[in-house]
PDB file of N, CA and C in Angstrom:
ATOM      1  N   MET A   1      10.352 153.628 -39.239  1.00  0.00           N
ATOM      2  CA  MET A   1       9.255 153.476 -38.272  1.00  0.00           C
ATOM      3  C   MET A   1       9.526 154.340 -37.045  1.00  0.00           C
ATOM      4  N   ARG A   2      10.762 154.380 -36.636  1.00  0.00           N
ATOM      5  CA  ARG A   2      11.135 155.189 -35.437  1.00  0.00           C
ATOM      6  C   ARG A   2      10.976 156.645 -35.715  1.00  0.00           C
ATOM      7  N   LEU A   3      11.355 157.056 -36.870  1.00  0.00           N
ATOM      8  CA  LEU A   3      11.215 158.460 -37.302  1.00  0.00           C
ATOM      9  C   LEU A   3       9.753 158.864 -37.279  1.00  0.00           C
ATOM     10  N   LYS A   4       8.884 157.990 -37.675  1.00  0.00           N
ATOM     11  CA  LYS A   4       7.458 158.257 -37.692  1.00  0.00           C
ATOM     12  C   LYS A   4       6.981 158.579 -36.282  1.00  0.00           C
ATOM     13  N   TYR A   5       7.401 157.812 -35.289  1.00  0.00           N
ATOM     14  CA  TYR A   5       7.000 158.105 -33.895  1.00  0.00           C
ATOM     15  C   TYR A   5       7.529 159.391 -33.365  1.00  0.00           C
ATOM     16  N   ILE A   6       8.727 159.744 -33.786  1.00  0.00           N
ATOM     17  CA  ILE A   6       9.315 161.030 -33.331  1.00  0.00           C
ATOM     18  C   ILE A   6       8.597 162.194 -33.886  1.00  0.00           C
ATOM     19  N   VAL A   7       8.256 162.114 -35.240  1.00  0.00           N
ATOM     20  CA  VAL A   7       7.548 163.183 -35.845  1.00  0.00           C
ATOM     21  C   VAL A   7       6.157 163.353 -35.289  1.00  0.00           C
ATOM     22  N   ILE A   8       5.469 162.227 -35.063  1.00  0.00           N
ATOM     23  CA  ILE A   8       4.142 162.311 -34.458  1.00  0.00           C
ATOM     24  C   ILE A   8       4.217 162.865 -33.080  1.00  0.00           C
ATOM     25  N   SER A   9       5.181 162.533 -32.263  1.00  0.00           N
ATOM     26  CA  SER A   9       5.365 163.055 -30.955  1.00  0.00           C
ATOM     27  C   SER A   9       5.588 164.552 -30.966  1.00  0.00           C
ATOM     28  N   ILE A  10       6.422 165.034 -31.863  1.00  0.00           N
ATOM     29  CA  ILE A  10       6.708 166.439 -32.000  1.00  0.00           C
ATOM     30  C   ILE A  10       5.475 167.211 -32.400  1.00  0.00           C
ATOM     31  N   ILE A  11       4.670 166.689 -33.324  1.00  0.00           N
ATOM     32  CA  ILE A  11       3.461 167.313 -33.718  1.00  0.00           C
ATOM     33  C   ILE A  11       2.450 167.417 -32.602  1.00  0.00           C
ATOM     34  N   VAL A  12       2.277 166.391 -31.789  1.00  0.00           N
ATOM     35  CA  VAL A  12       1.399 166.392 -30.638  1.00  0.00           C
ATOM     36  C   VAL A  12       1.829 167.391 -29.648  1.00  0.00           C
ATOM     37  N   ILE A  13       3.158 167.443 -29.312  1.00  0.00           N
ATOM     38  CA  ILE A  13       3.631 168.451 -28.356  1.00  0.00           C
ATOM     39  C   ILE A  13       3.403 169.845 -28.824  1.00  0.00           C
ATOM     40  N   VAL A  14       3.573 170.148 -30.153  1.00  0.00           N
ATOM     41  CA  VAL A  14       3.409 171.486 -30.624  1.00  0.00           C
ATOM     42  C   VAL A  14       1.948 171.843 -30.501  1.00  0.00           C
ATOM     43  N   PHE A  15       1.021 170.942 -30.839  1.00  0.00           N
ATOM     44  CA  PHE A  15      -0.389 171.219 -30.712  1.00  0.00           C
ATOM     45  C   PHE A  15      -0.770 171.465 -29.245  1.00  0.00           C
ATOM     46  N   ILE A  16      -0.241 170.665 -28.343  1.00  0.00           N
ATOM     47  CA  ILE A  16      -0.567 170.846 -26.936  1.00  0.00           C
ATOM     48  C   ILE A  16      -0.199 172.296 -26.486  1.00  0.00           C
ATOM     49  N   PHE A  17       1.032 172.764 -26.859  1.00  0.00           N
ATOM     50  CA  PHE A  17       1.462 174.063 -26.445  1.00  0.00           C
ATOM     51  C   PHE A  17       0.726 175.154 -27.224  1.00  0.00           C
ATOM     52  N   ALA A  18       0.417 174.950 -28.467  1.00  0.00           N
ATOM     53  CA  ALA A  18      -0.247 175.963 -29.297  1.00  0.00           C
ATOM     54  C   ALA A  18      -1.707 176.157 -28.855  1.00  0.00           C
ATOM     55  N   LEU A  19      -2.314 175.102 -28.507  1.00  0.00           N
ATOM     56  CA  LEU A  19      -3.780 175.226 -28.192  1.00  0.00           C
ATOM     57  C   LEU A  19      -4.044 175.264 -26.682  1.00  0.00           C
ATOM     58  N   GLY A  20      -3.057 175.388 -25.906  1.00  0.00           N
ATOM     59  CA  GLY A  20      -3.182 175.435 -24.423  1.00  0.00           C
ATOM     60  C   GLY A  20      -3.957 176.626 -23.968  1.00  0.00           C
ATOM     61  N   ALA A  21      -4.885 176.443 -23.039  1.00  0.00           N
ATOM     62  CA  ALA A  21      -5.693 177.524 -22.555  1.00  0.00           C
ATOM     63  C   ALA A  21      -5.017 178.105 -21.310  1.00  0.00           C
ATOM     64  N   GLU A  22      -5.391 179.352 -20.988  1.00  0.00           N
ATOM     65  CA  GLU A  22      -4.855 179.966 -19.755  1.00  0.00           C
ATOM     66  C   GLU A  22      -5.523 179.224 -18.552  1.00  0.00           C
ATOM     67  N   VAL A  23      -4.708 178.849 -17.613  1.00  0.00           N
ATOM     68  CA  VAL A  23      -5.207 178.045 -16.498  1.00  0.00           C
ATOM     69  C   VAL A  23      -5.019 178.896 -15.186  1.00  0.00           C
ATOM     70  N   HIS A  24      -6.068 178.898 -14.387  1.00  0.00           N
ATOM     71  CA  HIS A  24      -5.985 179.589 -13.089  1.00  0.00           C
ATOM     72  C   HIS A  24      -5.987 178.471 -12.040  1.00  0.00           C
ATOM     73  N   ALA A  25      -4.824 178.020 -11.631  1.00  0.00           N
ATOM     74  CA  ALA A  25      -4.728 176.892 -10.742  1.00  0.00           C
ATOM     75  C   ALA A  25      -4.269 177.225  -9.375  1.00  0.00           C
ATOM     76  N   GLN A  26      -4.405 178.505  -8.978  1.00  0.00           N
ATOM     77  CA  GLN A  26      -4.020 178.902  -7.630  1.00  0.00           C
ATOM     78  C   GLN A  26      -5.179 178.675  -6.695  1.00  0.00           C
ATOM     79  N   CYS A  27      -4.866 178.415  -5.398  1.00  0.00           N
ATOM     80  CA  CYS A  27      -5.925 178.265  -4.425  1.00  0.00           C
ATOM     81  C   CYS A  27      -6.568 179.673  -4.251  1.00  0.00           C
ATOM     82  N   PRO A  28      -7.769 179.763  -3.768  1.00  0.00           N
ATOM     83  CA  PRO A  28      -8.467 180.992  -3.636  1.00  0.00           C
ATOM     84  C   PRO A  28      -7.727 182.005  -2.706  1.00  0.00           C
ATOM     85  N   MET A  29      -7.137 181.518  -1.602  1.00  0.00           N
ATOM     86  CA  MET A  29      -6.380 182.396  -0.713  1.00  0.00           C
ATOM     87  C   MET A  29      -5.156 183.014  -1.379  1.00  0.00           C
ATOM     88  N   CYS A  30      -4.438 182.163  -2.106  1.00  0.00           N
ATOM     89  CA  CYS A  30      -3.262 182.639  -2.811  1.00  0.00           C
ATOM     90  C   CYS A  30      -3.660 183.644  -3.866  1.00  0.00           C
ATOM     91  N   LYS A  31      -4.707 183.350  -4.601  1.00  0.00           N
ATOM     92  CA  LYS A  31      -5.173 184.272  -5.620  1.00  0.00           C
ATOM     93  C   LYS A  31      -5.526 185.640  -5.083  1.00  0.00           C
ATOM     94  N   ILE A  32      -6.270 185.647  -3.985  1.00  0.00           N
ATOM     95  CA  ILE A  32      -6.687 186.910  -3.372  1.00  0.00           C
ATOM     96  C   ILE A  32      -5.526 187.664  -2.877  1.00  0.00           C
ATOM     97  N   ALA A  33      -4.563 186.995  -2.236  1.00  0.00           N
ATOM     98  CA  ALA A  33      -3.333 187.669  -1.724  1.00  0.00           C
ATOM     99  C   ALA A  33      -2.592 188.270  -2.869  1.00  0.00           C
ATOM    100  N   ALA A  34      -2.424 187.489  -3.943  1.00  0.00           N
ATOM    101  CA  ALA A  34      -1.617 188.019  -5.071  1.00  0.00           C
ATOM    102  C   ALA A  34      -2.274 189.195  -5.737  1.00  0.00           C
ATOM    103  N   GLU A  35      -3.622 189.126  -5.949  1.00  0.00           N
ATOM    104  CA  GLU A  35      -4.382 190.200  -6.559  1.00  0.00           C
ATOM    105  C   GLU A  35      -4.299 191.416  -5.696  1.00  0.00           C
ATOM    106  N   THR A  36      -4.468 191.321  -4.412  1.00  0.00           N
ATOM    107  CA  THR A  36      -4.426 192.438  -3.541  1.00  0.00           C
ATOM    108  C   THR A  36      -3.066 193.076  -3.516  1.00  0.00           C
ATOM    109  N   ASN A  37      -2.005 192.278  -3.564  1.00  0.00           N
ATOM    110  CA  ASN A  37      -0.650 192.773  -3.598  1.00  0.00           C
ATOM    111  C   ASN A  37      -0.375 193.531  -4.915  1.00  0.00           C
ATOM    112  N   LEU A  38      -0.831 192.963  -6.016  1.00  0.00           N
ATOM    113  CA  LEU A  38      -0.613 193.589  -7.322  1.00  0.00           C
ATOM    114  C   LEU A  38      -1.378 194.894  -7.433  1.00  0.00           C
ATOM    115  N   ALA A  39      -2.599 194.922  -6.831  1.00  0.00           N
ATOM    116  CA  ALA A  39      -3.422 196.155  -6.885  1.00  0.00           C
ATOM    117  C   ALA A  39      -2.793 197.234  -6.045  1.00  0.00           C
ATOM    118  N   ASN A  40      -2.017 196.907  -5.000  1.00  0.00           N
ATOM    119  CA  ASN A  40      -1.366 197.944  -4.232  1.00  0.00           C
ATOM    120  C   ASN A  40       0.020 198.238  -4.677  1.00  0.00           C
ATOM    121  N   GLY A  41       0.342 197.815  -5.875  1.00  0.00           N
ATOM    122  CA  GLY A  41       1.650 198.200  -6.485  1.00  0.00           C
ATOM    123  C   GLY A  41       2.762 197.173  -6.201  1.00  0.00           C
ATOM    124  N   GLY A  42       2.500 196.087  -5.562  1.00  0.00           N
ATOM    125  CA  GLY A  42       3.550 195.086  -5.261  1.00  0.00           C
ATOM    126  C   GLY A  42       3.849 194.187  -6.451  1.00  0.00           C
ATOM    127  N   SER A  43       4.813 193.333  -6.271  1.00  0.00           N
ATOM    128  CA  SER A  43       5.212 192.414  -7.363  1.00  0.00           C
ATOM    129  C   SER A  43       5.254 190.965  -6.953  1.00  0.00           C
ATOM    130  N   GLU A  44       4.774 190.656  -5.773  1.00  0.00           N
ATOM    131  CA  GLU A  44       4.831 189.255  -5.243  1.00  0.00           C
ATOM    132  C   GLU A  44       3.962 188.293  -6.079  1.00  0.00           C
ATOM    133  N   GLY A  45       2.948 188.776  -6.713  1.00  0.00           N
ATOM    134  CA  GLY A  45       2.065 187.931  -7.491  1.00  0.00           C
ATOM    135  C   GLY A  45       2.833 187.345  -8.690  1.00  0.00           C
ATOM    136  N   LYS A  46       3.709 188.111  -9.308  1.00  0.00           N
ATOM    137  CA  LYS A  46       4.471 187.571 -10.413  1.00  0.00           C
ATOM    138  C   LYS A  46       5.458 186.516  -9.962  1.00  0.00           C
ATOM    139  N   GLY A  47       6.045 186.713  -8.825  1.00  0.00           N
ATOM    140  CA  GLY A  47       6.962 185.750  -8.238  1.00  0.00           C
ATOM    141  C   GLY A  47       6.244 184.458  -7.839  1.00  0.00           C
ATOM    142  N   LEU A  48       4.980 184.580  -7.386  1.00  0.00           N
ATOM    143  CA  LEU A  48       4.216 183.421  -7.015  1.00  0.00           C
ATOM    144  C   LEU A  48       3.940 182.557  -8.243  1.00  0.00           C
ATOM    145  N   ASN A  49       3.608 183.152  -9.346  1.00  0.00           N
ATOM    146  CA  ASN A  49       3.404 182.353 -10.572  1.00  0.00           C
ATOM    147  C   ASN A  49       4.666 181.708 -11.073  1.00  0.00           C
ATOM    148  N   LYS A  50       5.792 182.366 -11.005  1.00  0.00           N
ATOM    149  CA  LYS A  50       7.088 181.792 -11.361  1.00  0.00           C
ATOM    150  C   LYS A  50       7.400 180.606 -10.473  1.00  0.00           C
ATOM    151  N   GLY A  51       7.147 180.745  -9.193  1.00  0.00           N
ATOM    152  CA  GLY A  51       7.371 179.668  -8.235  1.00  0.00           C
ATOM    153  C   GLY A  51       6.532 178.419  -8.540  1.00  0.00           C
ATOM    154  N   ILE A  52       5.296 178.660  -8.893  1.00  0.00           N
ATOM    155  CA  ILE A  52       4.401 177.572  -9.243  1.00  0.00           C
ATOM    156  C   ILE A  52       4.956 176.814 -10.482  1.00  0.00           C
ATOM    157  N   LEU A  53       5.351 177.585 -11.493  1.00  0.00           N
ATOM    158  CA  LEU A  53       5.931 176.966 -12.699  1.00  0.00           C
ATOM    159  C   LEU A  53       7.217 176.205 -12.386  1.00  0.00           C
ATOM    160  N   TYR A  54       7.997 176.766 -11.501  1.00  0.00           N
ATOM    161  CA  TYR A  54       9.283 176.065 -11.154  1.00  0.00           C
ATOM    162  C   TYR A  54       8.967 174.762 -10.447  1.00  0.00           C
ATOM    163  N   MET A  55       8.051 174.718  -9.500  1.00  0.00           N
ATOM    164  CA  MET A  55       7.732 173.497  -8.800  1.00  0.00           C
ATOM    165  C   MET A  55       7.034 172.483  -9.743  1.00  0.00           C
ATOM    166  N   LEU A  56       6.323 172.969 -10.727  1.00  0.00           N
ATOM    167  CA  LEU A  56       5.685 172.105 -11.722  1.00  0.00           C
ATOM    168  C   LEU A  56       6.709 171.440 -12.646  1.00  0.00           C
ATOM    169  N   SER A  57       7.773 172.152 -12.947  1.00  0.00           N
ATOM    170  CA  SER A  57       8.764 171.596 -13.915  1.00  0.00           C
ATOM    171  C   SER A  57       9.735 170.623 -13.259  1.00  0.00           C
ATOM    172  N   MET A  58       9.933 170.643 -12.001  1.00  0.00           N
ATOM    173  CA  MET A  58      10.918 169.792 -11.306  1.00  0.00           C
ATOM    174  C   MET A  58      10.624 168.305 -11.499  1.00  0.00           C
ATOM    175  N   PRO A  59       9.427 167.766 -11.326  1.00  0.00           N
ATOM    176  CA  PRO A  59       9.251 166.406 -11.516  1.00  0.00           C
ATOM    177  C   PRO A  59       9.519 165.895 -12.940  1.00  0.00           C
ATOM    178  N   TYR A  60       9.190 166.738 -13.889  1.00  0.00           N
ATOM    179  CA  TYR A  60       9.410 166.382 -15.262  1.00  0.00           C
ATOM    180  C   TYR A  60      10.904 166.383 -15.581  1.00  0.00           C
ATOM    181  N   ILE A  61      11.658 167.278 -15.029  1.00  0.00           N
ATOM    182  CA  ILE A  61      13.098 167.319 -15.244  1.00  0.00           C
ATOM    183  C   ILE A  61      13.746 166.055 -14.618  1.00  0.00           C
ATOM    184  N   LEU A  62      13.325 165.728 -13.375  1.00  0.00           N
ATOM    185  CA  LEU A  62      13.903 164.561 -12.714  1.00  0.00           C
ATOM    186  C   LEU A  62      13.568 163.262 -13.462  1.00  0.00           C
ATOM    187  N   VAL A  63      12.401 163.081 -13.902  1.00  0.00           N
ATOM    188  CA  VAL A  63      11.996 161.845 -14.616  1.00  0.00           C
ATOM    189  C   VAL A  63      12.728 161.798 -15.924  1.00  0.00           C
ATOM    190  N   SER A  64      12.833 162.937 -16.613  1.00  0.00           N
ATOM    191  CA  SER A  64      13.570 163.020 -17.859  1.00  0.00           C
ATOM    192  C   SER A  64      15.053 162.610 -17.691  1.00  0.00           C
ATOM    193  N   THR A  65      15.626 163.113 -16.652  1.00  0.00           N
ATOM    194  CA  THR A  65      17.059 162.803 -16.382  1.00  0.00           C
ATOM    195  C   THR A  65      17.223 161.372 -16.116  1.00  0.00           C
ATOM    196  N   ILE A  66      16.390 160.784 -15.246  1.00  0.00           N
ATOM    197  CA  ILE A  66      16.515 159.377 -14.906  1.00  0.00           C
ATOM    198  C   ILE A  66      16.250 158.530 -16.161  1.00  0.00           C
ATOM    199  N   GLY A  67      15.322 158.889 -16.993  1.00  0.00           N
ATOM    200  CA  GLY A  67      15.045 158.149 -18.208  1.00  0.00           C
ATOM    201  C   GLY A  67      16.241 158.220 -19.185  1.00  0.00           C
ATOM    202  N   PHE A  68      16.889 159.349 -19.292  1.00  0.00           N
ATOM    203  CA  PHE A  68      18.004 159.522 -20.174  1.00  0.00           C
ATOM    204  C   PHE A  68      19.154 158.654 -19.688  1.00  0.00           C
ATOM    205  N   ILE A  69      19.449 158.674 -18.367  1.00  0.00           N
ATOM    206  CA  ILE A  69      20.517 157.889 -17.830  1.00  0.00           C
ATOM    207  C   ILE A  69      20.177 156.413 -18.067  1.00  0.00           C
ATOM    208  N   TRP A  70      18.997 155.958 -17.845  1.00  0.00           N
ATOM    209  CA  TRP A  70      18.662 154.557 -18.068  1.00  0.00           C
ATOM    210  C   TRP A  70      18.815 154.190 -19.544  1.00  0.00           C
ATOM    211  N   TRP A  71      18.394 155.048 -20.417  1.00  0.00           N
ATOM    212  CA  TRP A  71      18.507 154.786 -21.880  1.00  0.00           C
ATOM    213  C   TRP A  71      19.959 154.682 -22.288  1.00  0.00           C
ATOM    214  N   LYS A  72      20.816 155.581 -21.786  1.00  0.00           N
ATOM    215  CA  LYS A  72      22.222 155.580 -22.139  1.00  0.00           C
ATOM    216  C   LYS A  72      22.903 154.315 -21.642  1.00  0.00           C
ATOM    217  N   ASN A  73      22.570 153.891 -20.362  1.00  0.00           N
ATOM    218  CA  ASN A  73      23.166 152.638 -19.857  1.00  0.00           C
ATOM    219  C   ASN A  73      22.667 151.435 -20.567  1.00  0.00           C
ATOM    220  N   ASN A  74      21.390 151.430 -20.942  1.00  0.00           N
ATOM    221  CA  ASN A  74      20.810 150.295 -21.624  1.00  0.00           C
ATOM    222  C   ASN A  74      21.409 150.148 -23.017  1.00  0.00           C
ATOM    223  N   ARG A  75      21.700 151.301 -23.671  1.00  0.00           N
ATOM    224  CA  ARG A  75      22.302 151.293 -24.965  1.00  0.00           C
ATOM    225  C   ARG A  75      23.719 150.772 -24.968  1.00  0.00           C
ATOM    226  N   LYS A  76      24.477 151.068 -23.871  1.00  0.00           N
ATOM    227  CA  LYS A  76      25.866 150.507 -23.716  1.00  0.00           C
ATOM    228  C   LYS A  76      25.820 149.011 -23.549  1.00  0.00           C
ATOM    229  N   VAL A  77      24.840 148.564 -22.816  1.00  0.00           N
ATOM    230  CA  VAL A  77      24.769 147.095 -22.522  1.00  0.00           C
ATOM    231  C   VAL A  77      24.479 146.341 -23.847  1.00  0.00           C
ATOM    232  N   LYS A  78      23.586 146.899 -24.654  1.00  0.00           N
ATOM    233  CA  LYS A  78      23.213 146.279 -25.948  1.00  0.00           C
ATOM    234  C   LYS A  78      24.457 146.298 -26.891  1.00  0.00           C
ATOM    235  N   GLU A  79      25.279 147.295 -26.846  1.00  0.00           N
ATOM    236  CA  GLU A  79      26.423 147.420 -27.753  1.00  0.00           C
ATOM    237  C   GLU A  79      27.475 146.298 -27.379  1.00  0.00           C
ATOM    238  N   GLU A  80      27.575 145.990 -26.062  1.00  0.00           N
ATOM    239  CA  GLU A  80      28.527 144.993 -25.620  1.00  0.00           C
ATOM    240  C   GLU A  80      28.027 143.608 -25.937  1.00  0.00           C
TER     241      GLU A  80
END
């Protein structure tokens, strides 16, 4: 039963990433500044996108770490 949930979760995650559409989530001012910079030969627009992805990933990493620590401690308590 547990394996079934893991397989279903993996399939859902693969579909989410495979079918994901390109998203333009920058504010208008940031977008204009990045486009102007790239048009003039700069590279700050690429760094801006990497920074956005970095800030987006941090909450997920923190929650995953806390969940893993909780799960590991909870498993030790059940074994005792």
